[in-house]
N, C-alpha and C. Protein backbone atom coordinates (compact mmCIF):
# COMPACT_ATOMS: atom_id res chain seq x y z
N MET A 1 -17.78 10.30 21.64
CA MET A 1 -16.57 9.48 21.52
C MET A 1 -15.75 9.59 22.80
N ARG A 2 -15.23 8.49 23.32
CA ARG A 2 -14.49 8.49 24.56
C ARG A 2 -13.20 9.30 24.44
N LYS A 3 -12.94 10.14 25.44
CA LYS A 3 -11.76 10.98 25.43
C LYS A 3 -10.49 10.14 25.56
N ILE A 4 -9.48 10.49 24.79
CA ILE A 4 -8.21 9.76 24.82
C ILE A 4 -7.27 10.46 25.79
N SER A 5 -6.63 9.70 26.65
CA SER A 5 -5.74 10.28 27.65
C SER A 5 -4.52 10.89 26.97
N GLU A 6 -3.92 11.84 27.64
CA GLU A 6 -2.72 12.49 27.11
C GLU A 6 -1.60 11.49 26.91
N GLU A 7 -1.50 10.54 27.83
CA GLU A 7 -0.44 9.52 27.73
C GLU A 7 -0.65 8.67 26.47
N LYS A 8 -1.91 8.29 26.22
CA LYS A 8 -2.21 7.46 25.05
C LYS A 8 -1.99 8.25 23.76
N LEU A 9 -2.34 9.53 23.79
CA LEU A 9 -2.11 10.38 22.62
C LEU A 9 -0.62 10.50 22.32
N ALA A 10 0.19 10.64 23.38
CA ALA A 10 1.63 10.75 23.20
C ALA A 10 2.20 9.47 22.59
N LEU A 11 1.70 8.32 23.03
CA LEU A 11 2.15 7.05 22.48
C LEU A 11 1.72 6.91 21.02
N GLU A 12 0.52 7.40 20.71
CA GLU A 12 0.04 7.34 19.33
C GLU A 12 0.89 8.22 18.42
N ARG A 13 1.24 9.40 18.90
CA ARG A 13 2.09 10.29 18.09
C ARG A 13 3.42 9.61 17.80
N GLN A 14 3.97 8.95 18.81
CA GLN A 14 5.24 8.26 18.64
C GLN A 14 5.11 7.11 17.65
N ARG A 15 4.02 6.35 17.75
CA ARG A 15 3.81 5.23 16.85
C ARG A 15 3.64 5.70 15.41
N LEU A 16 2.85 6.75 15.23
CA LEU A 16 2.60 7.26 13.89
C LEU A 16 3.84 7.89 13.27
N GLU A 17 4.69 8.47 14.10
CA GLU A 17 5.96 8.98 13.58
C GLU A 17 6.78 7.84 12.99
N GLY A 18 6.69 6.68 13.62
CA GLY A 18 7.39 5.50 13.10
C GLY A 18 6.80 5.00 11.80
N MET A 19 5.57 5.41 11.48
CA MET A 19 4.92 5.02 10.22
C MET A 19 5.15 6.05 9.11
N LYS A 20 6.02 7.01 9.37
CA LYS A 20 6.32 8.03 8.36
C LYS A 20 7.69 7.81 7.73
N GLU A 21 8.11 6.54 7.70
CA GLU A 21 9.44 6.22 7.18
C GLU A 21 9.66 6.82 5.79
N PHE A 22 8.71 6.63 4.91
CA PHE A 22 8.89 7.08 3.53
C PHE A 22 8.42 8.52 3.33
N GLU A 23 7.48 8.98 4.14
CA GLU A 23 7.12 10.40 4.11
C GLU A 23 8.32 11.25 4.53
N ASN A 24 9.07 10.77 5.51
CA ASN A 24 10.27 11.50 5.94
C ASN A 24 11.38 11.41 4.89
N LYS A 25 11.50 10.24 4.30
CA LYS A 25 12.55 10.05 3.29
C LYS A 25 12.34 10.95 2.08
N TYR A 26 11.09 11.18 1.72
CA TYR A 26 10.77 12.00 0.55
C TYR A 26 10.10 13.31 0.96
N SER A 27 10.55 13.87 2.07
CA SER A 27 9.91 15.07 2.62
C SER A 27 10.07 16.29 1.71
N ASP A 28 11.01 16.26 0.78
CA ASP A 28 11.17 17.39 -0.15
C ASP A 28 10.01 17.47 -1.14
N PHE A 29 9.28 16.38 -1.33
CA PHE A 29 8.14 16.39 -2.25
C PHE A 29 6.93 17.02 -1.56
N GLU A 30 6.22 17.85 -2.30
CA GLU A 30 5.06 18.53 -1.71
C GLU A 30 3.88 17.59 -1.52
N PHE A 31 3.54 16.82 -2.56
CA PHE A 31 2.37 15.96 -2.50
C PHE A 31 2.78 14.50 -2.63
N ILE A 32 2.67 13.77 -1.52
CA ILE A 32 3.01 12.36 -1.46
C ILE A 32 1.72 11.56 -1.38
N ALA A 33 1.49 10.69 -2.35
CA ALA A 33 0.25 9.90 -2.37
C ALA A 33 0.55 8.46 -1.97
N GLY A 34 -0.32 7.90 -1.16
CA GLY A 34 -0.26 6.49 -0.83
C GLY A 34 -1.32 5.74 -1.62
N ILE A 35 -1.00 4.54 -2.09
CA ILE A 35 -1.91 3.73 -2.89
C ILE A 35 -2.03 2.34 -2.26
N ASP A 36 -3.27 1.86 -2.11
CA ASP A 36 -3.48 0.49 -1.63
C ASP A 36 -4.80 -0.03 -2.18
N GLU A 37 -4.99 -1.34 -2.03
CA GLU A 37 -6.21 -1.97 -2.55
C GLU A 37 -6.84 -2.87 -1.50
N ALA A 38 -8.08 -3.24 -1.78
CA ALA A 38 -8.78 -4.23 -0.96
C ALA A 38 -9.55 -5.16 -1.88
N GLY A 39 -9.49 -6.44 -1.60
CA GLY A 39 -10.33 -7.38 -2.33
C GLY A 39 -9.68 -8.15 -3.44
N ARG A 40 -8.39 -8.42 -3.36
CA ARG A 40 -7.77 -9.23 -4.41
C ARG A 40 -8.13 -10.72 -4.26
N GLY A 41 -8.38 -11.16 -3.03
CA GLY A 41 -8.56 -12.59 -2.80
C GLY A 41 -9.96 -13.15 -2.83
N PRO A 42 -11.02 -12.35 -2.67
CA PRO A 42 -12.37 -12.92 -2.59
C PRO A 42 -12.83 -13.64 -3.85
N LEU A 43 -13.87 -14.45 -3.67
CA LEU A 43 -14.49 -15.16 -4.78
C LEU A 43 -15.54 -14.30 -5.48
N ALA A 44 -15.94 -13.21 -4.84
CA ALA A 44 -17.01 -12.37 -5.39
C ALA A 44 -16.73 -10.90 -5.12
N GLY A 45 -17.35 -10.06 -5.97
CA GLY A 45 -17.26 -8.62 -5.78
C GLY A 45 -16.06 -8.01 -6.48
N PRO A 46 -15.97 -6.69 -6.42
CA PRO A 46 -14.91 -5.96 -7.11
C PRO A 46 -13.62 -5.93 -6.30
N VAL A 47 -12.56 -5.46 -6.94
CA VAL A 47 -11.36 -5.05 -6.23
C VAL A 47 -11.40 -3.53 -6.20
N VAL A 48 -11.08 -2.96 -5.05
CA VAL A 48 -11.16 -1.51 -4.84
C VAL A 48 -9.79 -0.97 -4.48
N ALA A 49 -9.41 0.13 -5.10
CA ALA A 49 -8.13 0.78 -4.78
C ALA A 49 -8.40 2.21 -4.34
N ALA A 50 -7.52 2.74 -3.52
CA ALA A 50 -7.63 4.13 -3.09
C ALA A 50 -6.27 4.80 -3.16
N ALA A 51 -6.31 6.10 -3.43
CA ALA A 51 -5.11 6.95 -3.43
C ALA A 51 -5.38 8.10 -2.47
N VAL A 52 -4.43 8.41 -1.61
CA VAL A 52 -4.63 9.44 -0.60
C VAL A 52 -3.39 10.31 -0.48
N ILE A 53 -3.62 11.62 -0.43
CA ILE A 53 -2.55 12.58 -0.11
C ILE A 53 -2.94 13.26 1.19
N LEU A 54 -2.22 12.96 2.26
CA LEU A 54 -2.49 13.56 3.56
C LEU A 54 -1.64 14.81 3.77
N PRO A 55 -2.12 15.78 4.55
CA PRO A 55 -1.25 16.89 4.97
C PRO A 55 -0.06 16.35 5.75
N LYS A 56 1.07 16.99 5.60
CA LYS A 56 2.28 16.47 6.24
C LYS A 56 2.21 16.51 7.76
N ASP A 57 1.44 17.44 8.31
CA ASP A 57 1.39 17.59 9.77
C ASP A 57 0.16 16.93 10.38
N ILE A 58 -0.52 16.11 9.63
CA ILE A 58 -1.76 15.51 10.13
C ILE A 58 -1.49 14.53 11.27
N PHE A 59 -2.44 14.48 12.20
CA PHE A 59 -2.38 13.50 13.29
C PHE A 59 -3.71 12.78 13.34
N LEU A 60 -3.70 11.53 12.94
CA LEU A 60 -4.90 10.70 12.93
C LEU A 60 -4.71 9.54 13.91
N PRO A 61 -5.12 9.72 15.16
CA PRO A 61 -4.93 8.66 16.15
C PRO A 61 -5.52 7.33 15.68
N PHE A 62 -4.73 6.27 15.87
CA PHE A 62 -5.11 4.88 15.58
C PHE A 62 -5.14 4.54 14.09
N LEU A 63 -4.64 5.43 13.25
CA LEU A 63 -4.47 5.08 11.84
C LEU A 63 -3.50 3.92 11.73
N ASN A 64 -3.88 2.94 10.94
CA ASN A 64 -3.02 1.77 10.77
C ASN A 64 -3.49 1.01 9.53
N ASP A 65 -2.75 -0.01 9.17
CA ASP A 65 -3.19 -0.96 8.14
C ASP A 65 -4.62 -1.37 8.47
N SER A 66 -5.51 -1.34 7.49
CA SER A 66 -6.93 -1.60 7.74
C SER A 66 -7.17 -2.94 8.41
N LYS A 67 -6.31 -3.92 8.15
CA LYS A 67 -6.50 -5.25 8.73
C LYS A 67 -6.22 -5.26 10.23
N LYS A 68 -5.55 -4.22 10.74
CA LYS A 68 -5.21 -4.15 12.15
C LYS A 68 -6.13 -3.21 12.93
N VAL A 69 -7.20 -2.74 12.27
CA VAL A 69 -8.11 -1.78 12.88
C VAL A 69 -9.51 -2.38 12.93
N THR A 70 -10.22 -2.18 14.03
CA THR A 70 -11.57 -2.71 14.14
C THR A 70 -12.50 -2.02 13.14
N GLU A 71 -13.62 -2.69 12.84
CA GLU A 71 -14.57 -2.12 11.89
C GLU A 71 -15.09 -0.76 12.35
N LYS A 72 -15.40 -0.64 13.63
CA LYS A 72 -15.91 0.62 14.17
C LYS A 72 -14.88 1.74 14.01
N ARG A 73 -13.63 1.41 14.31
CA ARG A 73 -12.58 2.43 14.19
C ARG A 73 -12.28 2.75 12.73
N ARG A 74 -12.37 1.74 11.85
CA ARG A 74 -12.19 1.99 10.41
C ARG A 74 -13.21 3.00 9.91
N ASP A 75 -14.46 2.87 10.38
CA ASP A 75 -15.51 3.79 9.94
C ASP A 75 -15.21 5.23 10.36
N VAL A 76 -14.71 5.39 11.59
CA VAL A 76 -14.35 6.72 12.08
C VAL A 76 -13.19 7.29 11.27
N LEU A 77 -12.17 6.46 11.05
CA LEU A 77 -11.01 6.91 10.27
C LEU A 77 -11.39 7.21 8.83
N PHE A 78 -12.28 6.43 8.25
CA PHE A 78 -12.74 6.65 6.88
C PHE A 78 -13.27 8.08 6.72
N ASP A 79 -14.13 8.49 7.65
CA ASP A 79 -14.70 9.84 7.57
C ASP A 79 -13.64 10.91 7.78
N ARG A 80 -12.76 10.70 8.74
CA ARG A 80 -11.73 11.72 9.01
C ARG A 80 -10.74 11.85 7.85
N ILE A 81 -10.37 10.73 7.27
CA ILE A 81 -9.43 10.78 6.14
C ILE A 81 -10.06 11.57 4.99
N LYS A 82 -11.30 11.28 4.67
CA LYS A 82 -11.97 11.99 3.58
C LYS A 82 -12.11 13.49 3.89
N GLN A 83 -12.32 13.83 5.14
CA GLN A 83 -12.46 15.23 5.52
C GLN A 83 -11.13 15.98 5.49
N GLU A 84 -10.06 15.32 5.91
CA GLU A 84 -8.80 16.03 6.15
C GLU A 84 -7.73 15.82 5.08
N ALA A 85 -7.93 14.85 4.22
CA ALA A 85 -6.93 14.63 3.15
C ALA A 85 -6.88 15.84 2.22
N LEU A 86 -5.71 16.11 1.68
CA LEU A 86 -5.58 17.14 0.65
C LEU A 86 -6.26 16.68 -0.63
N ALA A 87 -6.24 15.37 -0.85
CA ALA A 87 -6.92 14.79 -2.01
C ALA A 87 -7.04 13.29 -1.79
N TYR A 88 -8.09 12.72 -2.35
CA TYR A 88 -8.22 11.26 -2.34
C TYR A 88 -9.01 10.83 -3.57
N GLY A 89 -8.77 9.60 -4.00
CA GLY A 89 -9.50 9.03 -5.13
C GLY A 89 -9.74 7.56 -4.88
N ILE A 90 -10.85 7.06 -5.38
CA ILE A 90 -11.19 5.64 -5.22
C ILE A 90 -11.49 5.05 -6.59
N GLY A 91 -10.87 3.91 -6.88
CA GLY A 91 -11.08 3.22 -8.14
C GLY A 91 -11.64 1.83 -7.90
N ILE A 92 -12.54 1.40 -8.76
CA ILE A 92 -13.21 0.10 -8.60
C ILE A 92 -13.13 -0.68 -9.91
N ALA A 93 -12.68 -1.92 -9.80
CA ALA A 93 -12.67 -2.83 -10.96
C ALA A 93 -13.63 -3.97 -10.67
N SER A 94 -14.61 -4.15 -11.53
CA SER A 94 -15.68 -5.12 -11.29
C SER A 94 -15.20 -6.56 -11.43
N ASN A 95 -16.03 -7.48 -10.95
CA ASN A 95 -15.73 -8.90 -11.12
C ASN A 95 -15.68 -9.28 -12.60
N VAL A 96 -16.45 -8.60 -13.43
CA VAL A 96 -16.43 -8.87 -14.87
C VAL A 96 -15.06 -8.53 -15.44
N LEU A 97 -14.54 -7.36 -15.06
CA LEU A 97 -13.21 -6.96 -15.54
C LEU A 97 -12.14 -7.90 -15.00
N ILE A 98 -12.29 -8.30 -13.75
CA ILE A 98 -11.32 -9.24 -13.16
C ILE A 98 -11.26 -10.52 -13.99
N ASP A 99 -12.42 -11.02 -14.39
CA ASP A 99 -12.46 -12.24 -15.21
C ASP A 99 -11.88 -12.01 -16.61
N GLU A 100 -12.03 -10.80 -17.12
CA GLU A 100 -11.54 -10.51 -18.47
C GLU A 100 -10.03 -10.37 -18.54
N ILE A 101 -9.44 -9.69 -17.54
CA ILE A 101 -8.02 -9.32 -17.66
C ILE A 101 -7.15 -9.88 -16.54
N ASN A 102 -7.70 -10.59 -15.61
CA ASN A 102 -7.10 -11.21 -14.42
C ASN A 102 -7.02 -10.21 -13.26
N ILE A 103 -6.90 -10.76 -12.06
CA ILE A 103 -7.00 -9.94 -10.85
C ILE A 103 -5.87 -8.92 -10.74
N LEU A 104 -4.65 -9.28 -11.13
CA LEU A 104 -3.55 -8.33 -11.00
C LEU A 104 -3.75 -7.14 -11.92
N GLN A 105 -4.10 -7.40 -13.18
CA GLN A 105 -4.31 -6.30 -14.13
C GLN A 105 -5.52 -5.45 -13.72
N ALA A 106 -6.55 -6.09 -13.19
CA ALA A 106 -7.72 -5.33 -12.72
C ALA A 106 -7.36 -4.46 -11.52
N THR A 107 -6.47 -4.97 -10.66
CA THR A 107 -6.00 -4.18 -9.52
C THR A 107 -5.25 -2.94 -10.01
N TYR A 108 -4.38 -3.13 -10.99
CA TYR A 108 -3.67 -1.98 -11.56
C TYR A 108 -4.66 -0.97 -12.15
N GLU A 109 -5.70 -1.47 -12.81
CA GLU A 109 -6.69 -0.57 -13.42
C GLU A 109 -7.41 0.24 -12.34
N ALA A 110 -7.78 -0.41 -11.25
CA ALA A 110 -8.43 0.30 -10.14
C ALA A 110 -7.49 1.34 -9.54
N MET A 111 -6.21 1.00 -9.42
CA MET A 111 -5.24 1.95 -8.89
C MET A 111 -5.07 3.15 -9.81
N ARG A 112 -5.00 2.89 -11.11
CA ARG A 112 -4.88 4.01 -12.06
C ARG A 112 -6.10 4.93 -11.99
N GLU A 113 -7.28 4.31 -11.84
CA GLU A 113 -8.50 5.11 -11.72
C GLU A 113 -8.47 5.96 -10.46
N ALA A 114 -8.01 5.38 -9.35
CA ALA A 114 -7.93 6.14 -8.10
C ALA A 114 -6.98 7.33 -8.24
N ILE A 115 -5.85 7.12 -8.89
CA ILE A 115 -4.87 8.20 -9.09
C ILE A 115 -5.47 9.31 -9.95
N LYS A 116 -6.19 8.93 -11.01
CA LYS A 116 -6.80 9.92 -11.89
C LYS A 116 -7.83 10.78 -11.16
N LYS A 117 -8.44 10.25 -10.12
CA LYS A 117 -9.47 10.99 -9.40
C LYS A 117 -8.90 11.95 -8.35
N LEU A 118 -7.60 11.91 -8.12
CA LEU A 118 -6.98 12.86 -7.19
C LEU A 118 -7.10 14.28 -7.75
N LYS A 119 -7.49 15.21 -6.89
CA LYS A 119 -7.63 16.60 -7.32
C LYS A 119 -6.31 17.35 -7.32
N LYS A 120 -5.28 16.71 -6.79
CA LYS A 120 -3.93 17.26 -6.84
C LYS A 120 -3.02 16.22 -7.48
N THR A 121 -2.06 16.67 -8.27
CA THR A 121 -1.14 15.74 -8.93
C THR A 121 -0.01 15.39 -7.98
N PRO A 122 0.15 14.12 -7.63
CA PRO A 122 1.21 13.73 -6.70
C PRO A 122 2.60 13.92 -7.31
N ASP A 123 3.55 14.22 -6.45
CA ASP A 123 4.95 14.26 -6.88
C ASP A 123 5.57 12.88 -6.85
N ILE A 124 5.03 12.03 -5.99
CA ILE A 124 5.51 10.65 -5.88
C ILE A 124 4.38 9.78 -5.36
N LEU A 125 4.36 8.53 -5.80
CA LEU A 125 3.38 7.55 -5.34
C LEU A 125 4.08 6.50 -4.48
N LEU A 126 3.56 6.29 -3.29
CA LEU A 126 4.02 5.20 -2.44
C LEU A 126 2.98 4.10 -2.54
N VAL A 127 3.37 2.96 -3.09
CA VAL A 127 2.41 1.90 -3.42
C VAL A 127 2.69 0.67 -2.57
N ASP A 128 1.63 0.09 -2.02
CA ASP A 128 1.83 -1.11 -1.21
C ASP A 128 2.21 -2.30 -2.08
N ALA A 129 3.46 -2.66 -2.04
CA ALA A 129 3.99 -3.93 -2.58
C ALA A 129 4.18 -4.01 -4.09
N VAL A 130 3.43 -3.23 -4.89
CA VAL A 130 3.49 -3.43 -6.34
C VAL A 130 3.99 -2.18 -7.06
N HIS A 131 4.26 -2.36 -8.36
CA HIS A 131 4.63 -1.25 -9.25
C HIS A 131 3.54 -1.17 -10.32
N ILE A 132 2.90 -0.01 -10.44
CA ILE A 132 1.74 0.15 -11.32
C ILE A 132 2.22 0.48 -12.74
N PRO A 133 1.88 -0.34 -13.72
CA PRO A 133 2.28 -0.04 -15.10
C PRO A 133 1.54 1.19 -15.64
N ASP A 134 2.14 1.78 -16.67
CA ASP A 134 1.50 2.87 -17.43
C ASP A 134 1.19 4.10 -16.58
N ILE A 135 2.06 4.37 -15.62
CA ILE A 135 1.94 5.58 -14.81
C ILE A 135 3.23 6.38 -14.96
N THR A 136 3.12 7.65 -15.30
CA THR A 136 4.32 8.46 -15.53
C THR A 136 4.84 9.11 -14.25
N ILE A 137 4.01 9.19 -13.23
CA ILE A 137 4.44 9.76 -11.96
C ILE A 137 5.46 8.82 -11.30
N ARG A 138 6.47 9.39 -10.70
CA ARG A 138 7.46 8.57 -9.98
C ARG A 138 6.75 7.75 -8.91
N GLN A 139 7.10 6.47 -8.80
CA GLN A 139 6.46 5.62 -7.81
C GLN A 139 7.45 4.68 -7.14
N LEU A 140 7.08 4.25 -5.97
CA LEU A 140 7.92 3.35 -5.20
C LEU A 140 7.04 2.26 -4.62
N GLY A 141 7.31 1.00 -4.98
CA GLY A 141 6.60 -0.12 -4.39
C GLY A 141 7.25 -0.50 -3.07
N ILE A 142 6.46 -0.57 -2.01
CA ILE A 142 7.00 -0.78 -0.67
C ILE A 142 6.40 -2.05 -0.06
N VAL A 143 7.24 -3.00 0.27
CA VAL A 143 6.78 -4.21 0.94
C VAL A 143 6.26 -3.85 2.33
N LYS A 144 5.06 -4.34 2.67
CA LYS A 144 4.39 -4.00 3.93
C LYS A 144 4.26 -2.49 4.07
N GLY A 145 3.93 -1.85 2.96
CA GLY A 145 3.86 -0.39 2.94
C GLY A 145 2.81 0.19 3.86
N ASP A 146 1.72 -0.57 4.11
CA ASP A 146 0.66 -0.04 4.97
C ASP A 146 1.09 0.06 6.42
N ALA A 147 2.25 -0.49 6.77
CA ALA A 147 2.80 -0.34 8.11
C ALA A 147 3.97 0.64 8.14
N ARG A 148 4.36 1.15 6.97
CA ARG A 148 5.56 2.00 6.87
C ARG A 148 5.27 3.36 6.26
N SER A 149 4.02 3.60 5.93
CA SER A 149 3.63 4.87 5.33
C SER A 149 2.22 5.22 5.79
N ILE A 150 2.04 6.42 6.37
CA ILE A 150 0.70 6.80 6.81
C ILE A 150 -0.22 7.02 5.63
N ASN A 151 0.32 7.45 4.49
CA ASN A 151 -0.53 7.65 3.32
C ASN A 151 -1.04 6.32 2.77
N ILE A 152 -0.18 5.30 2.76
CA ILE A 152 -0.64 3.98 2.32
C ILE A 152 -1.65 3.42 3.32
N ALA A 153 -1.40 3.60 4.62
CA ALA A 153 -2.36 3.14 5.63
C ALA A 153 -3.71 3.80 5.44
N ALA A 154 -3.70 5.11 5.15
CA ALA A 154 -4.96 5.82 4.92
C ALA A 154 -5.67 5.28 3.68
N ALA A 155 -4.89 4.99 2.63
CA ALA A 155 -5.48 4.41 1.42
C ALA A 155 -6.08 3.04 1.70
N SER A 156 -5.42 2.27 2.56
CA SER A 156 -5.94 0.93 2.88
C SER A 156 -7.28 1.03 3.59
N ILE A 157 -7.45 2.05 4.44
CA ILE A 157 -8.71 2.25 5.14
C ILE A 157 -9.82 2.62 4.14
N LEU A 158 -9.54 3.58 3.25
CA LEU A 158 -10.56 3.99 2.28
C LEU A 158 -10.97 2.83 1.38
N ALA A 159 -9.98 2.06 0.92
CA ALA A 159 -10.29 0.95 0.03
C ALA A 159 -11.10 -0.13 0.75
N LYS A 160 -10.69 -0.48 1.95
CA LYS A 160 -11.36 -1.54 2.71
C LYS A 160 -12.80 -1.16 3.06
N VAL A 161 -13.00 0.04 3.58
CA VAL A 161 -14.35 0.44 3.99
C VAL A 161 -15.26 0.57 2.77
N THR A 162 -14.74 1.15 1.69
CA THR A 162 -15.54 1.27 0.47
C THR A 162 -15.99 -0.10 0.00
N ARG A 163 -15.06 -1.04 -0.05
CA ARG A 163 -15.42 -2.38 -0.55
C ARG A 163 -16.38 -3.08 0.40
N ASP A 164 -16.14 -2.99 1.69
CA ASP A 164 -17.03 -3.66 2.65
C ASP A 164 -18.46 -3.12 2.54
N ARG A 165 -18.59 -1.81 2.34
CA ARG A 165 -19.93 -1.23 2.21
C ARG A 165 -20.60 -1.67 0.91
N LEU A 166 -19.83 -1.83 -0.14
CA LEU A 166 -20.39 -2.37 -1.38
C LEU A 166 -20.91 -3.79 -1.17
N MET A 167 -20.14 -4.59 -0.43
CA MET A 167 -20.55 -5.97 -0.20
C MET A 167 -21.79 -6.05 0.69
N LEU A 168 -21.96 -5.09 1.59
CA LEU A 168 -23.19 -5.04 2.39
C LEU A 168 -24.40 -4.78 1.49
N GLU A 169 -24.22 -3.93 0.49
CA GLU A 169 -25.31 -3.66 -0.45
C GLU A 169 -25.60 -4.90 -1.30
N TYR A 170 -24.55 -5.59 -1.73
CA TYR A 170 -24.76 -6.82 -2.50
C TYR A 170 -25.46 -7.90 -1.68
N ASP A 171 -25.22 -7.88 -0.37
CA ASP A 171 -25.86 -8.87 0.49
C ASP A 171 -27.38 -8.73 0.47
N LYS A 172 -27.86 -7.50 0.28
CA LYS A 172 -29.31 -7.27 0.22
C LYS A 172 -29.89 -7.87 -1.06
N ILE A 173 -29.09 -7.91 -2.11
CA ILE A 173 -29.55 -8.44 -3.39
C ILE A 173 -29.41 -9.96 -3.45
N TYR A 174 -28.31 -10.45 -2.86
CA TYR A 174 -28.01 -11.89 -2.90
C TYR A 174 -27.79 -12.40 -1.47
N PRO A 175 -28.82 -12.44 -0.64
CA PRO A 175 -28.65 -12.76 0.79
C PRO A 175 -28.19 -14.19 1.06
N GLU A 176 -28.40 -15.09 0.11
CA GLU A 176 -28.08 -16.50 0.38
C GLU A 176 -26.58 -16.76 0.52
N TYR A 177 -25.74 -15.82 0.05
CA TYR A 177 -24.29 -16.07 0.08
C TYR A 177 -23.59 -15.50 1.32
N GLY A 178 -24.29 -14.71 2.10
CA GLY A 178 -23.69 -14.18 3.32
C GLY A 178 -22.63 -13.11 3.10
N PHE A 179 -22.78 -12.32 2.05
CA PHE A 179 -21.76 -11.31 1.73
C PHE A 179 -21.56 -10.28 2.85
N ALA A 180 -22.59 -10.04 3.66
CA ALA A 180 -22.44 -9.09 4.76
C ALA A 180 -21.41 -9.56 5.77
N TYR A 181 -21.22 -10.88 5.84
CA TYR A 181 -20.30 -11.45 6.83
C TYR A 181 -18.96 -11.87 6.22
N ASN A 182 -19.01 -12.46 5.02
CA ASN A 182 -17.75 -12.97 4.44
C ASN A 182 -17.11 -12.00 3.47
N LYS A 183 -17.84 -10.94 3.10
CA LYS A 183 -17.34 -9.92 2.16
C LYS A 183 -16.85 -10.53 0.84
N GLY A 184 -17.39 -11.70 0.51
CA GLY A 184 -17.03 -12.34 -0.74
C GLY A 184 -15.90 -13.35 -0.63
N TYR A 185 -15.28 -13.45 0.54
CA TYR A 185 -14.18 -14.41 0.72
C TYR A 185 -14.74 -15.84 0.80
N GLY A 186 -13.89 -16.80 0.56
CA GLY A 186 -14.31 -18.19 0.43
C GLY A 186 -14.45 -18.91 1.74
N THR A 187 -15.32 -18.46 2.61
CA THR A 187 -15.60 -19.17 3.86
C THR A 187 -16.33 -20.47 3.55
N ALA A 188 -16.38 -21.33 4.55
CA ALA A 188 -17.05 -22.62 4.37
C ALA A 188 -18.52 -22.42 3.99
N LYS A 189 -19.21 -21.50 4.67
CA LYS A 189 -20.62 -21.26 4.37
C LYS A 189 -20.82 -20.67 2.98
N HIS A 190 -19.89 -19.81 2.58
CA HIS A 190 -19.98 -19.22 1.23
C HIS A 190 -19.82 -20.32 0.18
N ILE A 191 -18.88 -21.21 0.38
CA ILE A 191 -18.65 -22.29 -0.59
C ILE A 191 -19.84 -23.25 -0.61
N GLU A 192 -20.43 -23.49 0.57
CA GLU A 192 -21.64 -24.33 0.61
C GLU A 192 -22.76 -23.68 -0.20
N ALA A 193 -22.92 -22.36 -0.06
CA ALA A 193 -23.96 -21.65 -0.81
C ALA A 193 -23.70 -21.70 -2.31
N LEU A 194 -22.42 -21.59 -2.69
CA LEU A 194 -22.05 -21.68 -4.10
C LEU A 194 -22.45 -23.04 -4.68
N LYS A 195 -22.20 -24.09 -3.92
CA LYS A 195 -22.52 -25.44 -4.39
C LYS A 195 -24.03 -25.65 -4.48
N GLU A 196 -24.77 -25.00 -3.57
CA GLU A 196 -26.22 -25.17 -3.55
C GLU A 196 -26.93 -24.31 -4.59
N TYR A 197 -26.50 -23.04 -4.70
CA TYR A 197 -27.22 -22.08 -5.54
C TYR A 197 -26.50 -21.75 -6.84
N GLY A 198 -25.23 -22.14 -6.96
CA GLY A 198 -24.45 -21.72 -8.12
C GLY A 198 -23.98 -20.28 -7.96
N ALA A 199 -23.42 -19.75 -9.02
CA ALA A 199 -22.85 -18.40 -8.95
C ALA A 199 -23.91 -17.34 -9.18
N CYS A 200 -23.70 -16.17 -8.57
CA CYS A 200 -24.55 -15.01 -8.85
C CYS A 200 -23.78 -14.04 -9.74
N ASP A 201 -24.38 -12.91 -10.03
CA ASP A 201 -23.79 -11.98 -11.01
C ASP A 201 -22.48 -11.35 -10.56
N ILE A 202 -22.20 -11.35 -9.27
CA ILE A 202 -20.96 -10.69 -8.82
C ILE A 202 -19.85 -11.69 -8.51
N HIS A 203 -20.09 -12.97 -8.74
CA HIS A 203 -19.01 -13.94 -8.53
C HIS A 203 -17.97 -13.84 -9.65
N ARG A 204 -16.73 -14.08 -9.27
CA ARG A 204 -15.63 -14.10 -10.23
C ARG A 204 -15.54 -15.50 -10.81
N ARG A 205 -15.95 -15.64 -12.05
CA ARG A 205 -16.00 -16.97 -12.65
C ARG A 205 -14.64 -17.64 -12.69
N THR A 206 -13.59 -16.86 -12.85
CA THR A 206 -12.24 -17.44 -12.90
C THR A 206 -11.75 -17.88 -11.53
N PHE A 207 -12.49 -17.52 -10.46
CA PHE A 207 -12.09 -17.89 -9.11
C PHE A 207 -12.89 -19.08 -8.58
N ILE A 208 -14.06 -19.36 -9.14
CA ILE A 208 -14.98 -20.28 -8.46
C ILE A 208 -15.19 -21.60 -9.19
N GLY A 209 -14.47 -21.82 -10.28
CA GLY A 209 -14.69 -23.02 -11.08
C GLY A 209 -14.61 -24.31 -10.29
N ASN A 210 -13.70 -24.40 -9.35
CA ASN A 210 -13.53 -25.64 -8.57
C ASN A 210 -14.72 -25.90 -7.64
N PHE A 211 -15.47 -24.83 -7.35
CA PHE A 211 -16.56 -24.98 -6.38
C PHE A 211 -17.91 -25.23 -7.04
N VAL A 212 -18.08 -24.82 -8.28
CA VAL A 212 -19.40 -24.96 -8.93
C VAL A 212 -19.33 -25.78 -10.21
N GLY A 213 -18.17 -26.39 -10.46
CA GLY A 213 -18.04 -27.26 -11.62
C GLY A 213 -18.00 -26.55 -12.94
N GLU A 214 -17.52 -25.27 -12.92
CA GLU A 214 -17.41 -24.52 -14.20
C GLU A 214 -16.03 -24.73 -14.81
């Protein structure tokens, strides 16, 4: 891995300090968990949520909202987060569940599953944008939380990489839809494939009716 200059490291430390807005605000709490999801919008595949509790003094260069990080860097951060987190959990809600209870409720279910898998009980949950029902732990929904909390940013990386890797595996089973490239999102080629081949087992039926005449 290419060595990072001292100047760049100093700038990264400064940037990451700016992403600890809520970690600093709730610094009296021992275990602060960040919660985020990936995959609410696609036409196919699951929605994945992650919960992460990072050490308070951790320094993870280039940690950011997963959408602002390259795939190569996400993979590196994914491994480091799993190695260095005090605890992490990943929850997955299938396309079948999404169709049964709707995407928002399925997202909440994936988030609850991720929280349950944490090996440490959080004192507070920092959640990107939403408030999770049926959770007794104190929580705070934060608009654009993945840019204002390093724990939420870390959760966004775990959720995104986990889901992308699942979609790569699905691409091997259903290669005609291009899941390796579109990750289940409604690209023009994906919609063309839907019209030609119809839906496969991982498509969200409640999302694709306009494209396949269901």
